[in-house]
Amino acid sequence: MKKNTKVRNVAAVDHDSSYIRAYEDIELLNKATLRPVRIQLEVLKPELYLKALNITQTIVCFGSARIRPEKEAKALVAAAKKELAKKPKSKVLQTKLTEAEGLLSLSKYYEVGREFAKLVVKKGKNRFAVVTGGGPGIMEAANRGAFENGGTSIGFNITLPHEQRPNPYITKNLAFLFHYFAIRKLHLVMRSKAILGFPGGFGTFDELFEILTLIQTYKKEEIPVILVGKEFWSKVVNFEALAAYGVINKADAKMCHIVDTAEEAWAIIADFYGIK
């Protein structure tokens, strides 16, 4: 093999990719083989921030990013009706209207989420930080209720194909951006002292059933798991049917409290922790 004996310009070495400090080498960190390191960083960064502020107890609220305040939801229904009137045979526009009307029926839970977070701050006397996924919809509502009332408001956002911006109601330096859903869920659950599930889709179900599984298998201590929206949850999940088929036991079927109001939800938490 022919040896390269030409002496290199020392200044040129500075531009070699091999000469970049490892912790500054973004191309290196993005390699597939460095995934364990990236995962560790996602575990450590929020932990350092939260530990520095002595945040050890949280109440987690999750639900659909699509649920808007009632006024906005009504405007979307009106716009969908106007579009459909121009093309009444359009299946796409019919579906759009149906979805808008469905979300309008759920818009009341935006205010329930906001009110619940207010109760957490006021009646809990800042014992608990309010945590959400950091995005719009129900997440915004809960962050907003805490933020507007002087509480600690945390957002664990996630990178998505269609970029999801953090809502503006998160305490400074407590908005975090994750790449890995698993690590995001780890942080959602590890300090949680209660979980509230509002109406939502696949993401909401993913978080809810993972938490129920962790409690069922004693990976997570027993905490209140509260589902907000009796009509919604009674239609989309049938825990009693799961028990009847024997795939869960009867005790598991009663792991969730189902309520309609912020006051009912707070009362369950206050009773569980003996808060007067």
Protein backbone atom coordinates (compact mmCIF):
# COMPACT_ATOMS: atom_id res chain seq x y z
CA MET A 1 0.00 0.00 0.00
CA LYS A 2 1.40 3.37 -1.01
CA LYS A 3 2.06 5.62 1.96
CA ASN A 4 0.99 9.26 1.92
CA THR A 5 4.14 11.02 3.06
CA LYS A 6 3.05 14.57 2.21
CA VAL A 7 3.13 16.76 5.29
CA ARG A 8 -0.22 18.41 5.96
CA ASN A 9 -0.74 22.04 6.79
CA VAL A 10 -1.33 22.02 10.56
CA ALA A 11 -4.05 24.67 10.23
CA ALA A 12 -6.00 22.33 7.93
CA VAL A 13 -6.33 19.79 10.74
CA ASP A 14 -8.68 22.20 12.52
CA HIS A 15 -11.23 21.53 9.80
CA ASP A 16 -11.14 17.74 10.02
CA SER A 17 -14.38 16.22 11.35
CA SER A 18 -12.27 13.89 13.50
CA TYR A 19 -10.78 16.90 15.28
CA ILE A 20 -14.10 18.27 16.59
CA ARG A 21 -14.60 17.69 20.30
CA ALA A 22 -16.96 14.74 20.65
CA TYR A 23 -19.55 16.62 22.72
CA GLU A 24 -19.61 19.42 20.09
CA ASP A 25 -19.85 17.09 17.09
CA ILE A 26 -23.53 17.25 16.07
CA GLU A 27 -22.97 14.93 13.08
CA LEU A 28 -21.53 12.34 15.46
CA LEU A 29 -24.36 12.72 17.97
CA ASN A 30 -26.92 12.20 15.21
CA LYS A 31 -25.49 8.84 14.16
CA ALA A 32 -27.63 5.75 14.85
CA THR A 33 -24.92 4.23 17.03
CA LEU A 34 -25.12 7.27 19.37
CA ARG A 35 -28.83 6.75 20.12
CA PRO A 36 -28.13 5.55 23.71
CA VAL A 37 -26.23 8.78 24.37
CA ARG A 38 -29.09 10.92 22.99
CA ILE A 39 -31.56 9.03 25.15
CA GLN A 40 -29.41 9.60 28.23
CA LEU A 41 -29.24 13.33 27.46
CA GLU A 42 -33.03 13.51 27.18
CA VAL A 43 -33.32 11.84 30.57
CA LEU A 44 -30.74 14.09 32.23
CA LYS A 45 -31.54 17.57 30.91
CA PRO A 46 -35.09 17.96 32.35
CA GLU A 47 -33.99 16.18 35.53
CA LEU A 48 -31.27 18.79 36.12
CA TYR A 49 -33.62 21.71 35.55
CA LEU A 50 -36.42 20.32 37.74
CA LYS A 51 -34.07 19.21 40.50
CA ALA A 52 -32.52 22.68 40.65
CA LEU A 53 -36.01 24.11 41.32
CA ASN A 54 -36.89 21.31 43.78
CA ILE A 55 -39.88 20.21 41.70
CA THR A 56 -40.71 16.73 42.98
CA GLN A 57 -44.53 16.54 42.88
CA THR A 58 -46.60 17.09 39.77
CA ILE A 59 -50.13 16.66 38.50
CA VAL A 60 -50.23 15.67 34.85
CA CYS A 61 -53.02 16.72 32.48
CA PHE A 62 -53.23 15.30 28.98
CA GLY A 63 -55.84 15.36 26.24
CA SER A 64 -56.43 16.36 22.64
CA ALA A 65 -54.36 19.11 21.05
CA ARG A 66 -57.37 19.76 18.80
CA ILE A 67 -59.79 20.90 21.52
CA ARG A 68 -60.15 24.68 21.41
CA PRO A 69 -62.03 27.27 23.48
CA GLU A 70 -65.74 27.31 22.66
CA LYS A 71 -65.59 30.59 20.72
CA GLU A 72 -62.86 29.28 18.41
CA ALA A 73 -64.63 25.92 17.99
CA LYS A 74 -67.87 27.67 16.98
CA ALA A 75 -65.99 29.75 14.41
CA LEU A 76 -64.55 26.57 12.87
CA VAL A 77 -68.02 25.01 12.63
CA ALA A 78 -69.36 28.15 10.95
CA ALA A 79 -66.48 28.16 8.47
CA ALA A 80 -67.00 24.46 7.69
CA LYS A 81 -70.73 25.03 7.08
CA LYS A 82 -69.95 27.91 4.75
CA GLU A 83 -67.53 25.78 2.72
CA LEU A 84 -69.99 22.89 2.53
CA ALA A 85 -72.78 25.20 1.34
CA LYS A 86 -70.69 25.95 -1.75
CA LYS A 87 -70.01 22.26 -2.45
CA PRO A 88 -72.79 20.31 -0.67
CA LYS A 89 -71.85 16.97 -2.25
CA SER A 90 -68.22 17.07 -1.15
CA LYS A 91 -67.48 14.09 1.13
CA VAL A 92 -64.29 15.81 2.32
CA LEU A 93 -66.18 18.91 3.42
CA GLN A 94 -68.93 16.82 5.04
CA THR A 95 -66.27 15.03 7.07
CA LYS A 96 -64.65 18.35 7.95
CA LEU A 97 -67.96 19.65 9.32
CA THR A 98 -68.60 16.47 11.31
CA GLU A 99 -65.16 16.72 12.91
CA ALA A 100 -65.63 20.42 13.70
CA GLU A 101 -69.01 19.72 15.34
CA GLY A 102 -67.51 16.88 17.36
CA LEU A 103 -64.72 19.12 18.64
CA LEU A 104 -67.25 21.84 19.45
CA SER A 105 -69.07 19.38 21.70
CA LEU A 106 -65.78 18.84 23.55
CA SER A 107 -64.76 22.51 23.72
CA LYS A 108 -66.21 22.87 27.24
CA TYR A 109 -63.32 20.76 28.53
CA TYR A 110 -60.86 23.52 27.63
CA GLU A 111 -62.35 25.62 30.44
CA VAL A 112 -62.57 22.58 32.74
CA GLY A 113 -58.83 21.99 32.26
CA ARG A 114 -58.07 25.65 32.89
CA GLU A 115 -60.24 25.71 36.02
CA PHE A 116 -58.75 22.47 37.35
CA ALA A 117 -55.20 23.83 37.11
CA LYS A 118 -56.35 26.95 38.97
CA LEU A 119 -57.66 24.73 41.78
CA VAL A 120 -54.35 22.84 41.89
CA VAL A 121 -52.50 26.11 42.45
CA LYS A 122 -54.97 27.76 44.84
CA LYS A 123 -56.22 24.85 46.91
CA GLY A 124 -53.00 22.86 46.67
CA LYS A 125 -51.05 25.98 47.73
CA ASN A 126 -48.34 25.35 45.15
CA ARG A 127 -47.62 21.87 46.46
CA PHE A 128 -47.94 20.48 42.93
CA ALA A 129 -46.58 21.69 39.62
CA VAL A 130 -48.95 21.32 36.66
CA VAL A 131 -47.46 19.31 33.80
CA THR A 132 -48.71 18.81 30.25
CA GLY A 133 -47.33 17.82 26.88
CA GLY A 134 -46.71 21.51 26.29
CA GLY A 135 -48.75 21.88 23.11
CA PRO A 136 -52.12 23.43 22.22
CA GLY A 137 -55.64 22.30 23.15
CA ILE A 138 -56.16 20.69 26.54
CA MET A 139 -52.43 21.01 27.23
CA GLU A 140 -52.63 24.76 26.73
CA ALA A 141 -55.72 24.98 28.94
CA ALA A 142 -54.05 23.30 31.93
CA ASN A 143 -50.80 25.22 31.52
CA ARG A 144 -52.83 28.39 31.24
CA GLY A 145 -54.80 27.77 34.43
CA ALA A 146 -51.59 27.25 36.39
CA PHE A 147 -49.68 30.12 34.75
CA GLU A 148 -52.47 32.68 35.19
CA ASN A 149 -52.70 31.91 38.90
CA GLY A 150 -49.00 32.06 39.72
CA GLY A 151 -48.35 28.31 39.77
CA THR A 152 -45.54 26.28 38.27
CA SER A 153 -46.45 25.33 34.70
CA ILE A 154 -44.33 22.73 32.89
CA GLY A 155 -44.49 21.61 29.26
CA PHE A 156 -42.92 18.46 27.83
CA ASN A 157 -43.21 19.03 24.09
CA ILE A 158 -42.27 16.55 21.35
CA THR A 159 -40.90 16.86 17.81
CA LEU A 160 -43.59 15.88 15.29
CA PRO A 161 -43.79 15.70 11.47
CA HIS A 162 -46.01 18.81 11.60
CA GLU A 163 -44.15 20.98 14.05
CA GLN A 164 -46.04 21.58 17.29
CA ARG A 165 -45.13 24.83 18.96
CA PRO A 166 -45.17 25.13 22.76
CA ASN A 167 -48.09 27.08 24.18
CA PRO A 168 -47.31 30.48 25.76
CA TYR A 169 -48.40 29.54 29.28
CA ILE A 170 -45.31 27.63 30.41
CA THR A 171 -43.02 28.91 33.17
CA LYS A 172 -39.70 30.27 31.89
CA ASN A 173 -37.06 27.53 31.45
CA LEU A 174 -39.64 24.80 32.08
CA ALA A 175 -40.57 24.10 28.44
CA PHE A 176 -38.68 21.01 27.24
CA LEU A 177 -38.46 19.52 23.75
CA PHE A 178 -38.14 15.75 23.35
CA HIS A 179 -37.42 13.53 20.39
CA TYR A 180 -38.25 10.21 22.07
CA PHE A 181 -41.83 9.55 23.17
CA ALA A 182 -40.60 7.00 25.72
CA ILE A 183 -38.39 9.51 27.53
CA ARG A 184 -41.09 12.15 27.40
CA LYS A 185 -43.51 9.72 29.06
CA LEU A 186 -40.86 8.81 31.63
CA HIS A 187 -40.72 12.45 32.72
CA LEU A 188 -44.50 12.81 32.61
CA VAL A 189 -44.93 9.90 35.00
CA MET A 190 -41.92 9.80 37.33
CA ARG A 191 -42.93 12.77 39.57
CA SER A 192 -46.67 12.50 39.05
CA LYS A 193 -48.97 12.39 42.08
CA ALA A 194 -52.16 12.37 40.02
CA ILE A 195 -53.07 11.94 36.36
CA LEU A 196 -55.95 13.62 34.53
CA GLY A 197 -57.02 12.33 31.13
CA PHE A 198 -59.28 14.62 29.12
CA PRO A 199 -60.93 13.60 25.82
CA GLY A 200 -58.28 12.83 23.23
CA GLY A 201 -57.04 10.51 20.53
CA PHE A 202 -54.23 7.99 20.08
CA GLY A 203 -51.69 10.03 22.06
CA THR A 204 -54.06 10.39 25.01
CA PHE A 205 -54.85 6.67 24.96
CA ASP A 206 -51.17 5.80 24.71
CA GLU A 207 -50.35 7.84 27.83
CA LEU A 208 -53.41 6.68 29.77
CA PHE A 209 -52.95 2.95 29.21
CA GLU A 210 -49.21 3.07 29.84
CA ILE A 211 -49.86 4.71 33.22
CA LEU A 212 -52.58 2.19 34.08
CA THR A 213 -50.20 -0.64 33.15
CA LEU A 214 -47.44 0.81 35.33
CA ILE A 215 -49.78 1.06 38.32
CA GLN A 216 -51.26 -2.39 37.68
CA THR A 217 -47.79 -3.95 37.61
CA TYR A 218 -46.47 -1.94 40.61
CA LYS A 219 -43.90 -0.07 38.53
CA LYS A 220 -45.64 3.12 39.69
CA GLU A 221 -47.11 3.73 43.12
CA GLU A 222 -50.89 4.01 43.32
CA ILE A 223 -52.04 7.53 42.47
CA PRO A 224 -55.40 9.00 41.45
CA VAL A 225 -56.13 8.44 37.75
CA ILE A 226 -59.04 10.66 36.77
CA LEU A 227 -60.84 10.76 33.42
CA VAL A 228 -62.70 13.99 32.70
CA GLY A 229 -65.81 13.73 30.55
CA LYS A 230 -68.30 11.02 31.51
CA GLU A 231 -70.12 10.96 28.18
CA PHE A 232 -66.91 10.74 26.16
CA TRP A 233 -65.16 8.08 28.23
CA SER A 234 -68.25 5.92 28.68
CA LYS A 235 -68.54 5.73 24.88
CA VAL A 236 -64.92 5.16 23.90
CA VAL A 237 -63.68 2.84 26.66
CA ASN A 238 -65.56 0.03 28.40
CA PHE A 239 -63.50 -1.13 31.37
CA GLU A 240 -66.34 -3.31 32.65
CA ALA A 241 -66.38 -5.21 29.34
CA LEU A 242 -62.64 -5.85 29.64
CA ALA A 243 -63.24 -7.30 33.11
CA ALA A 244 -66.18 -9.37 31.85
CA TYR A 245 -63.92 -10.95 29.22
CA GLY A 246 -61.38 -11.69 31.92
CA VAL A 247 -58.51 -9.77 30.33
CA ILE A 248 -58.38 -7.52 33.42
CA ASN A 249 -59.77 -8.17 36.87
CA LYS A 250 -62.64 -6.31 38.51
CA ALA A 251 -60.32 -4.21 40.65
CA ASP A 252 -58.47 -3.04 37.54
CA ALA A 253 -61.76 -1.91 36.03
CA LYS A 254 -62.15 0.55 38.90
CA MET A 255 -58.69 2.10 38.69
CA CYS A 256 -60.04 5.23 37.02
CA HIS A 257 -62.38 7.83 38.50
CA ILE A 258 -64.63 9.38 35.85
CA VAL A 259 -65.85 12.94 36.48
CA ASP A 260 -67.25 15.94 34.63
CA THR A 261 -66.01 18.96 36.56
CA ALA A 262 -62.78 20.46 37.82
CA GLU A 263 -64.16 20.50 41.35
CA GLU A 264 -64.91 16.76 41.29
CA ALA A 265 -61.41 16.03 40.04
CA TRP A 266 -59.73 18.16 42.69
CA ALA A 267 -61.90 16.63 45.44
CA ILE A 268 -60.59 13.15 44.57
CA ILE A 269 -56.98 14.33 44.78
CA ALA A 270 -57.56 16.31 47.99
CA ASP A 271 -59.20 13.27 49.60
CA PHE A 272 -56.40 10.93 48.49
CA TYR A 273 -53.68 13.15 50.00
CA GLY A 274 -55.67 14.44 52.97
CA ILE A 275 -55.65 18.05 51.79
CA LYS A 276 -58.25 20.15 53.61
